Protein backbone atom coordinates (compact mmCIF):
# COMPACT_ATOMS: atom_id res chain seq x y z
CA MET A 1 5.18 18.62 -12.71
CA CYS A 2 7.58 16.58 -10.60
CA PRO A 3 9.92 14.43 -12.75
CA TYR A 4 9.59 11.49 -10.34
CA PHE A 5 6.03 10.83 -11.46
CA LYS A 6 7.33 9.02 -14.53
CA VAL A 7 7.79 6.06 -12.16
CA LYS A 8 5.17 4.80 -9.73
CA TYR A 9 7.65 3.46 -7.19
CA GLU A 10 11.28 2.51 -6.69
CA PHE A 11 13.22 0.42 -4.19
CA LEU A 12 15.86 2.05 -2.01
CA PRO A 13 18.89 0.52 -0.31
CA HIS A 14 18.29 -0.61 3.26
CA MET A 15 20.52 -2.59 5.63
CA ALA A 16 18.27 -5.45 6.73
CA ASP A 17 14.78 -4.95 5.40
CA ALA A 18 13.22 -3.59 2.21
CA LYS A 19 12.51 0.09 1.62
CA PHE A 20 10.55 1.71 -1.17
CA ARG A 21 9.50 5.15 -2.31
CA ALA A 22 6.16 5.67 -4.07
CA TYR A 23 4.97 8.69 -6.02
CA GLY A 24 1.55 9.97 -6.98
CA HIS A 25 -0.30 13.02 -8.21
CA SER A 26 -2.76 12.62 -5.33
CA LEU A 27 -2.80 11.09 -1.85
CA GLU A 28 -4.93 8.25 -3.18
CA GLU A 29 -2.58 7.56 -6.09
CA VAL A 30 0.52 7.44 -3.89
CA LEU A 31 -1.22 4.92 -1.61
CA VAL A 32 -2.17 2.76 -4.61
CA ASN A 33 1.43 2.86 -5.85
CA ALA A 34 2.73 1.99 -2.37
CA ALA A 35 0.42 -1.04 -2.24
CA THR A 36 1.73 -2.13 -5.65
CA ALA A 37 5.32 -1.75 -4.43
CA LEU A 38 4.56 -3.75 -1.28
CA VAL A 39 3.03 -6.73 -3.06
CA SER A 40 5.74 -6.68 -5.76
CA LEU A 41 8.12 -7.80 -3.00
CA MET A 42 6.04 -10.98 -2.74
CA TRP A 43 4.40 -11.71 -6.13
CA GLU A 44 3.77 -10.26 -9.58
CA ALA A 45 0.43 -8.46 -9.21
CA ASP A 46 0.03 -8.11 -12.97
CA GLN A 47 0.05 -11.93 -13.25
CA VAL A 48 -2.84 -12.34 -10.77
CA ARG A 49 -6.35 -12.55 -12.21
CA PRO A 50 -8.70 -9.89 -10.72
CA VAL A 51 -11.59 -12.32 -10.12
CA ARG A 52 -12.21 -11.79 -6.40
CA LYS A 53 -13.13 -8.51 -4.69
CA GLU A 54 -12.25 -7.34 -1.19
CA SER A 55 -12.83 -4.10 0.71
CA ILE A 56 -10.45 -2.29 3.03
CA GLU A 57 -11.48 0.29 5.61
CA VAL A 58 -9.07 1.88 8.10
CA GLU A 59 -8.94 4.99 10.28
CA ALA A 60 -5.95 6.74 11.77
CA SER A 61 -4.97 9.97 13.47
CA SER A 62 -2.08 10.68 11.06
CA LEU A 63 -1.20 10.00 7.45
CA GLU A 64 1.79 7.92 8.58
CA GLN A 65 -0.44 5.72 10.73
CA LEU A 66 -3.00 5.50 7.91
CA THR A 67 -0.26 4.35 5.51
CA VAL A 68 0.96 1.61 7.85
CA LYS A 69 -2.58 0.40 8.55
CA PHE A 70 -3.52 0.41 4.85
CA LEU A 71 -0.43 -1.51 3.75
CA THR A 72 -0.78 -3.96 6.65
CA GLU A 73 -4.24 -4.86 5.35
CA PHE A 74 -2.61 -6.53 2.34
CA LEU A 75 -0.60 -8.77 4.68
CA TYR A 76 -3.83 -9.59 6.55
CA LEU A 77 -5.63 -10.41 3.29
CA LEU A 78 -2.81 -12.78 2.32
CA GLU A 79 -2.45 -14.52 5.68
CA VAL A 80 -6.08 -14.72 6.81
CA LYS A 81 -8.08 -14.72 3.58
CA SER A 82 -5.51 -16.29 1.19
CA PHE A 83 -5.95 -13.30 -1.12
CA LEU A 84 -3.38 -12.11 -3.66
CA LEU A 85 -3.77 -8.55 -4.86
CA ALA A 86 -4.00 -7.96 -8.60
CA LYS A 87 -4.96 -4.29 -8.45
CA VAL A 88 -6.35 -1.58 -6.25
CA GLU A 89 -9.53 -0.49 -7.98
CA SER A 90 -10.28 2.58 -5.87
CA VAL A 91 -9.10 4.46 -2.80
CA LYS A 92 -10.94 7.26 -1.05
CA VAL A 93 -9.40 9.19 1.84
CA GLU A 94 -11.27 11.82 3.81
CA GLN A 95 -10.87 13.61 7.11
CA ILE A 96 -13.63 12.98 9.62
CA GLN A 97 -14.52 14.00 13.15
CA LYS A 98 -15.06 11.08 15.51
CA GLU A 99 -15.50 11.36 19.27
CA GLY A 100 -13.96 14.83 19.24
CA SER A 101 -10.87 13.83 17.26
CA ARG A 102 -9.93 14.50 13.66
CA LEU A 103 -9.17 11.25 11.86
CA TYR A 104 -8.27 10.12 8.38
CA HIS A 105 -10.73 7.55 7.03
CA LEU A 106 -9.73 5.34 4.09
CA GLU A 107 -11.93 3.06 2.02
CA ALA A 108 -10.51 0.93 -0.77
CA LYS A 109 -11.81 -1.65 -3.21
CA VAL A 110 -9.29 -4.22 -4.39
CA ALA A 111 -9.34 -7.12 -6.83
CA GLY A 112 -7.28 -10.28 -6.90
CA ASP A 113 -7.47 -14.04 -6.62
CA ASP A 114 -7.06 -16.88 -4.16
CA VAL A 115 -3.58 -18.14 -3.39
CA SER A 116 -2.95 -21.12 -5.67
CA PRO A 117 -0.02 -23.01 -7.24
CA GLN A 118 -0.47 -21.03 -10.47
CA TYR A 119 0.92 -17.94 -8.70
CA GLU A 120 4.50 -17.82 -7.49
CA ILE A 121 5.01 -16.22 -4.08
CA TYR A 122 8.73 -15.49 -3.96
CA GLY A 123 8.99 -13.58 -0.71
CA LEU A 124 6.97 -12.72 2.36
CA VAL A 125 6.72 -9.38 4.09
CA LYS A 126 6.38 -9.94 7.83
CA ALA A 127 5.35 -6.41 8.77
CA VAL A 128 5.06 -2.83 7.62
CA THR A 129 7.05 -0.74 10.09
CA TYR A 130 6.88 2.81 11.39
CA ASN A 131 10.66 2.97 10.96
CA GLU A 132 11.46 5.73 8.43
CA ILE A 133 7.80 6.04 7.37
CA LYS A 134 7.22 9.25 5.44
CA ILE A 135 4.28 10.59 3.48
CA GLU A 136 4.28 14.18 2.34
CA LYS A 137 2.92 16.55 -0.24
CA ILE A 138 5.66 17.67 -2.63
CA ASP A 139 5.78 19.92 -5.67
CA GLY A 140 3.09 18.58 -7.97
CA GLY A 141 2.06 15.56 -5.93
CA TRP A 142 2.86 13.17 -3.10
CA LEU A 143 5.84 11.11 -1.95
CA LEU A 144 5.68 8.09 0.37
CA GLU A 145 8.56 6.09 1.84
CA ALA A 146 8.15 2.88 3.81
CA VAL A 147 10.32 0.15 5.30
CA VAL A 148 9.02 -3.40 5.58
CA ASP A 149 10.34 -6.33 7.60
CA MET A 150 11.09 -9.30 5.33
């Protein structure tokens, strides 16, 4: 088993923005850990009550594109629906054929709460970038690296 799996994610040095590396035993787990890393740049997810449910569904032609789209959904949920993530309850990724192309299809169920004064938002991520995006299968699991614009 890969020794990195003792941690779910870690932050890496980056010149202007924020960069993190997430680990997981499966593709789904590494995506959950990446979402947790992303929101931890903005608020403490473990302090948010999981009283509201939301669904996420994205499709992409590559795992890198799927990662960016999935993580961007959390910025959308914050900005448009005033939703703070507490936890990702489930993620399912499958490969599908659509209009002659092979795509990755992701469905996720998430729980959280409305933005309110009881929760401190201490930073805002402007965008998840394709700069230095990496998601790959490694010995015993998965590794994901992402850079976000703060």
